[in-house]
C-alpha atoms as a PDB file:
ATOM      1  CA  UNK A   1       0.000   0.000   0.000  1.00  0.00           C
ATOM      2  CA  UNK A   2       1.269   3.451  -0.818  1.00  0.00           C
ATOM      3  CA  UNK A   3       1.158   6.475   1.422  1.00  0.00           C
ATOM      4  CA  UNK A   4      -1.931   8.657   1.584  1.00  0.00           C
ATOM      5  CA  UNK A   5      -2.962   9.899  -1.851  1.00  0.00           C
ATOM      6  CA  UNK A   6      -3.771  13.613  -1.742  1.00  0.00           C
ATOM      7  CA  UNK A   7      -6.224  14.943  -4.300  1.00  0.00           C
ATOM      8  CA  UNK A   8      -8.228  18.052  -4.972  1.00  0.00           C
ATOM      9  CA  UNK A   9     -11.374  15.987  -5.504  1.00  0.00           C
ATOM     10  CA  UNK A  10     -14.280  17.167  -3.357  1.00  0.00           C
ATOM     11  CA  UNK A  11     -15.542  15.038  -0.513  1.00  0.00           C
ATOM     12  CA  UNK A  12     -18.649  13.082  -1.455  1.00  0.00           C
ATOM     13  CA  UNK A  13     -21.756  15.198  -1.071  1.00  0.00           C
ATOM     14  CA  UNK A  14     -23.961  12.133  -0.899  1.00  0.00           C
ATOM     15  CA  UNK A  15     -23.667   8.374  -0.822  1.00  0.00           C
ATOM     16  CA  UNK A  16     -23.795   7.953  -4.638  1.00  0.00           C
ATOM     17  CA  UNK A  17     -20.703  10.004  -5.469  1.00  0.00           C
ATOM     18  CA  UNK A  18     -17.737   8.481  -7.280  1.00  0.00           C
ATOM     19  CA  UNK A  19     -14.682   8.795  -5.060  1.00  0.00           C
ATOM     20  CA  UNK A  20     -11.562   9.790  -7.008  1.00  0.00           C
ATOM     21  CA  UNK A  21     -13.177   8.213 -10.067  1.00  0.00           C
ATOM     22  CA  UNK A  22     -12.259   4.831  -8.564  1.00  0.00           C
ATOM     23  CA  UNK A  23     -15.014   3.931  -6.097  1.00  0.00           C
ATOM     24  CA  UNK A  24     -18.780   4.353  -6.271  1.00  0.00           C
ATOM     25  CA  UNK A  25     -20.059   5.007  -2.779  1.00  0.00           C
ATOM     26  CA  UNK A  26     -23.305   3.279  -1.907  1.00  0.00           C
ATOM     27  CA  UNK A  27     -25.300   2.547   1.215  1.00  0.00           C
ATOM     28  CA  UNK A  28     -24.278   3.984   4.568  1.00  0.00           C
ATOM     29  CA  UNK A  29     -23.227   1.037   6.750  1.00  0.00           C
ATOM     30  CA  UNK A  30     -22.553   2.838  10.010  1.00  0.00           C
ATOM     31  CA  UNK A  31     -21.741   6.077  11.794  1.00  0.00           C
ATOM     32  CA  UNK A  32     -19.425   6.926  14.622  1.00  0.00           C
ATOM     33  CA  UNK A  33     -18.319  10.111  16.364  1.00  0.00           C
ATOM     34  CA  UNK A  34     -15.568  10.800  13.819  1.00  0.00           C
ATOM     35  CA  UNK A  35     -16.380   8.690  10.780  1.00  0.00           C
ATOM     36  CA  UNK A  36     -19.012   7.198   8.520  1.00  0.00           C
ATOM     37  CA  UNK A  37     -18.613   3.863   6.762  1.00  0.00           C
ATOM     38  CA  UNK A  38     -20.092   3.241   3.315  1.00  0.00           C
ATOM     39  CA  UNK A  39     -20.400   0.190   1.144  1.00  0.00           C
ATOM     40  CA  UNK A  40     -18.646   0.955  -2.150  1.00  0.00           C
ATOM     41  CA  UNK A  41     -17.739  -0.673  -5.430  1.00  0.00           C
ATOM     42  CA  UNK A  42     -14.369  -0.460  -7.151  1.00  0.00           C
ATOM     43  CA  UNK A  43     -15.224   0.843 -10.637  1.00  0.00           C
ATOM     44  CA  UNK A  44     -12.125  -0.808 -12.142  1.00  0.00           C
ATOM     45  CA  UNK A  45     -12.838  -4.399 -11.081  1.00  0.00           C
ATOM     46  CA  UNK A  46     -16.322  -4.399  -9.483  1.00  0.00           C
ATOM     47  CA  UNK A  47     -14.995  -5.502  -6.071  1.00  0.00           C
ATOM     48  CA  UNK A  48     -17.123  -4.609  -3.036  1.00  0.00           C
ATOM     49  CA  UNK A  49     -15.229  -2.595  -0.428  1.00  0.00           C
ATOM     50  CA  UNK A  50     -16.024  -0.606   2.694  1.00  0.00           C
ATOM     51  CA  UNK A  51     -14.951   3.044   2.757  1.00  0.00           C
ATOM     52  CA  UNK A  52     -14.465   4.719   6.122  1.00  0.00           C
ATOM     53  CA  UNK A  53     -14.763   8.497   5.726  1.00  0.00           C
ATOM     54  CA  UNK A  54     -13.061  10.481   8.481  1.00  0.00           C
ATOM     55  CA  UNK A  55     -13.580  14.205   9.002  1.00  0.00           C
ATOM     56  CA  UNK A  56     -10.127  15.822   9.393  1.00  0.00           C
ATOM     57  CA  UNK A  57     -11.463  18.798  11.366  1.00  0.00           C
ATOM     58  CA  UNK A  58     -13.020  16.573  14.013  1.00  0.00           C
ATOM     59  CA  UNK A  59      -9.924  14.428  14.560  1.00  0.00           C
ATOM     60  CA  UNK A  60      -7.620  17.446  14.597  1.00  0.00           C
ATOM     61  CA  UNK A  61      -9.833  19.337  17.066  1.00  0.00           C
ATOM     62  CA  UNK A  62      -9.904  16.360  19.435  1.00  0.00           C
ATOM     63  CA  UNK A  63      -6.212  15.546  19.128  1.00  0.00           C
ATOM     64  CA  UNK A  64      -6.770  12.195  17.411  1.00  0.00           C
ATOM     65  CA  UNK A  65      -4.735  12.843  14.245  1.00  0.00           C
ATOM     66  CA  UNK A  66      -1.834  10.802  15.660  1.00  0.00           C
ATOM     67  CA  UNK A  67      -4.219   7.937  16.387  1.00  0.00           C
ATOM     68  CA  UNK A  68      -5.419   7.900  12.774  1.00  0.00           C
ATOM     69  CA  UNK A  69      -1.833   7.931  11.458  1.00  0.00           C
ATOM     70  CA  UNK A  70      -0.954   5.036  13.773  1.00  0.00           C
ATOM     71  CA  UNK A  71      -4.049   3.110  12.679  1.00  0.00           C
ATOM     72  CA  UNK A  72      -3.048   3.542   9.012  1.00  0.00           C
ATOM     73  CA  UNK A  73       0.498   2.405   9.726  1.00  0.00           C
ATOM     74  CA  UNK A  74      -0.617  -0.670  11.667  1.00  0.00           C
ATOM     75  CA  UNK A  75      -3.481  -1.725   9.388  1.00  0.00           C
ATOM     76  CA  UNK A  76      -1.279  -1.465   6.296  1.00  0.00           C
ATOM     77  CA  UNK A  77       1.155  -3.994   7.788  1.00  0.00           C
ATOM     78  CA  UNK A  78      -1.256  -6.581   9.197  1.00  0.00           C
ATOM     79  CA  UNK A  79      -1.973  -9.556   6.926  1.00  0.00           C
ATOM     80  CA  UNK A  80      -4.182 -12.181   8.526  1.00  0.00           C
ATOM     81  CA  UNK A  81      -7.339 -13.920   7.251  1.00  0.00           C
ATOM     82  CA  UNK A  82      -9.313 -12.741  10.298  1.00  0.00           C
ATOM     83  CA  UNK A  83      -8.288  -9.071  10.250  1.00  0.00           C
ATOM     84  CA  UNK A  84      -9.995  -6.583   7.949  1.00  0.00           C
ATOM     85  CA  UNK A  85      -7.510  -5.624   5.258  1.00  0.00           C
ATOM     86  CA  UNK A  86      -6.792  -1.985   4.449  1.00  0.00           C
ATOM     87  CA  UNK A  87      -6.519  -1.692   0.648  1.00  0.00           C
ATOM     88  CA  UNK A  88      -5.569   1.979   0.386  1.00  0.00           C
ATOM     89  CA  UNK A  89      -5.916   5.394   1.984  1.00  0.00           C
ATOM     90  CA  UNK A  90      -7.071   8.444   0.053  1.00  0.00           C
ATOM     91  CA  UNK A  91      -7.436  12.028   1.252  1.00  0.00           C
ATOM     92  CA  UNK A  92      -8.736  15.455   0.350  1.00  0.00           C
ATOM     93  CA  UNK A  93      -8.263  18.684   2.271  1.00  0.00           C
ATOM     94  CA  UNK A  94     -11.183  17.859   4.552  1.00  0.00           C
ATOM     95  CA  UNK A  95     -11.567  14.056   4.591  1.00  0.00           C
ATOM     96  CA  UNK A  96      -9.534  10.848   4.925  1.00  0.00           C
ATOM     97  CA  UNK A  97     -10.839   7.708   3.218  1.00  0.00           C
ATOM     98  CA  UNK A  98      -9.865   4.208   4.362  1.00  0.00           C
ATOM     99  CA  UNK A  99     -10.687   1.723   1.594  1.00  0.00           C
ATOM    100  CA  UNK A 100     -11.027  -1.630   3.351  1.00  0.00           C
ATOM    101  CA  UNK A 101     -12.117  -5.188   2.818  1.00  0.00           C
ATOM    102  CA  UNK A 102     -15.915  -5.473   2.878  1.00  0.00           C
ATOM    103  CA  UNK A 103     -17.363  -7.976   5.371  1.00  0.00           C
ATOM    104  CA  UNK A 104     -20.667  -8.993   3.807  1.00  0.00           C
ATOM    105  CA  UNK A 105     -22.042 -10.626   6.971  1.00  0.00           C
ATOM    106  CA  UNK A 106     -22.040  -7.422   9.035  1.00  0.00           C
ATOM    107  CA  UNK A 107     -21.367  -7.005  12.737  1.00  0.00           C
ATOM    108  CA  UNK A 108     -21.283  -9.950  15.106  1.00  0.00           C
ATOM    109  CA  UNK A 109     -23.406  -7.832  17.479  1.00  0.00           C
ATOM    110  CA  UNK A 110     -26.234  -7.543  14.925  1.00  0.00           C
ATOM    111  CA  UNK A 111     -26.142 -11.304  14.253  1.00  0.00           C
ATOM    112  CA  UNK A 112     -26.400 -12.079  17.956  1.00  0.00           C
ATOM    113  CA  UNK A 113     -29.191  -9.530  18.432  1.00  0.00           C
ATOM    114  CA  UNK A 114     -31.191 -10.904  15.476  1.00  0.00           C
ATOM    115  CA  UNK A 115     -30.444 -14.616  15.761  1.00  0.00           C
ATOM    116  CA  UNK A 116     -29.991 -15.016  19.491  1.00  0.00           C
ATOM    117  CA  UNK A 117     -27.653 -17.691  20.783  1.00  0.00           C
ATOM    118  CA  UNK A 118     -25.218 -19.373  18.423  1.00  0.00           C
ATOM    119  CA  UNK A 119     -24.608 -23.089  18.537  1.00  0.00           C
ATOM    120  CA  UNK A 120     -21.680 -24.184  20.642  1.00  0.00           C
ATOM    121  CA  UNK A 121     -19.867 -25.376  17.502  1.00  0.00           C
ATOM    122  CA  UNK A 122     -20.236 -22.007  15.726  1.00  0.00           C
ATOM    123  CA  UNK A 123     -19.305 -20.100  18.890  1.00  0.00           C
ATOM    124  CA  UNK A 124     -16.165 -22.220  19.278  1.00  0.00           C
ATOM    125  CA  UNK A 125     -15.167 -21.635  15.634  1.00  0.00           C
ATOM    126  CA  UNK A 126     -15.656 -17.862  15.930  1.00  0.00           C
ATOM    127  CA  UNK A 127     -13.747 -17.749  19.214  1.00  0.00           C
ATOM    128  CA  UNK A 128     -10.836 -19.684  17.671  1.00  0.00           C
ATOM    129  CA  UNK A 129     -10.723 -17.181  14.788  1.00  0.00           C
ATOM    130  CA  UNK A 130     -10.771 -14.269  17.227  1.00  0.00           C
ATOM    131  CA  UNK A 131      -7.940 -15.771  19.293  1.00  0.00           C
ATOM    132  CA  UNK A 132      -5.942 -16.399  16.115  1.00  0.00           C
ATOM    133  CA  UNK A 133      -6.321 -12.759  15.030  1.00  0.00           C
ATOM    134  CA  UNK A 134      -5.516 -11.353  18.483  1.00  0.00           C
ATOM    135  CA  UNK A 135      -2.531 -13.702  18.837  1.00  0.00           C
ATOM    136  CA  UNK A 136      -1.237 -12.559  15.435  1.00  0.00           C
ATOM    137  CA  UNK A 137      -1.554  -8.909  16.494  1.00  0.00           C
ATOM    138  CA  UNK A 138       0.241  -9.533  19.784  1.00  0.00           C
ATOM    139  CA  UNK A 139       3.061 -11.396  18.019  1.00  0.00           C
ATOM    140  CA  UNK A 140       3.579  -8.237  15.943  1.00  0.00           C
ATOM    141  CA  UNK A 141       3.561  -5.891  18.952  1.00  0.00           C
ATOM    142  CA  UNK A 142       0.041  -4.653  18.226  1.00  0.00           C
ATOM    143  CA  UNK A 143      -2.940  -4.733  20.537  1.00  0.00           C
ATOM    144  CA  UNK A 144      -6.615  -3.993  20.049  1.00  0.00           C
ATOM    145  CA  UNK A 145      -8.125  -1.551  22.530  1.00  0.00           C
ATOM    146  CA  UNK A 146     -11.802  -2.037  21.800  1.00  0.00           C
ATOM    147  CA  UNK A 147     -12.713  -5.702  21.418  1.00  0.00           C
ATOM    148  CA  UNK A 148     -16.494  -5.970  21.356  1.00  0.00           C
ATOM    149  CA  UNK A 149     -19.076  -7.612  19.069  1.00  0.00           C
ATOM    150  CA  UNK A 150     -19.577  -4.333  17.146  1.00  0.00           C
ATOM    151  CA  UNK A 151     -15.902  -4.440  16.055  1.00  0.00           C
ATOM    152  CA  UNK A 152     -16.063  -8.061  14.959  1.00  0.00           C
ATOM    153  CA  UNK A 153     -17.368  -8.450  11.431  1.00  0.00           C
ATOM    154  CA  UNK A 154     -18.540 -11.567   9.654  1.00  0.00           C
ATOM    155  CA  UNK A 155     -17.983 -12.355   6.015  1.00  0.00           C
ATOM    156  CA  UNK A 156     -20.327 -14.410   3.863  1.00  0.00           C
ATOM    157  CA  UNK A 157     -18.678 -17.656   5.082  1.00  0.00           C
ATOM    158  CA  UNK A 158     -19.216 -16.677   8.751  1.00  0.00           C
ATOM    159  CA  UNK A 159     -15.528 -16.026   9.332  1.00  0.00           C
ATOM    160  CA  UNK A 160     -14.734 -13.401  11.897  1.00  0.00           C
ATOM    161  CA  UNK A 161     -12.857 -10.253  10.888  1.00  0.00           C
ATOM    162  CA  UNK A 162     -11.251  -8.044  13.501  1.00  0.00           C
ATOM    163  CA  UNK A 163     -11.787  -4.340  12.817  1.00  0.00           C
ATOM    164  CA  UNK A 164      -9.461  -1.399  13.574  1.00  0.00           C
ATOM    165  CA  UNK A 165      -8.688   0.375  16.883  1.00  0.00           C
ATOM    166  CA  UNK A 166      -5.152  -1.049  16.919  1.00  0.00           C
ATOM    167  CA  UNK A 167      -2.232   0.282  19.021  1.00  0.00           C
END
């Protein structure tokens, strides 16, 4: 992955804007205090991705710019089947865009809330995947500061994917 790509392209005004002519932003997947996450499609190859849009003003005003830089550095180095992969980082004057692997199954939290209890076999498999991802992070001197079902994503094969907040 290359360093942040700076461009004069405007930030997306709505969720249907083409980002840098490379990604078509679609449905809003989630919102946080400093970012919004959209489903997007790579216009070059049709691949589904998730795009996290971070407001630079908000992170600068709250002193979190260093945190975002650290997150980029860490996520760009981690390569594990159960950790969401960062494909690239793009930026304008006002926004930072993390283009990441899309986890089609959504949040573990939502699955638990909708489905209720998982079978013991499925729970064991998910826990083993989580331990594998956390162990990989620890072996690389990285730790996750916010492990919770909302930060654990499922793909279409019900594999767990650990999401950001790395230190």
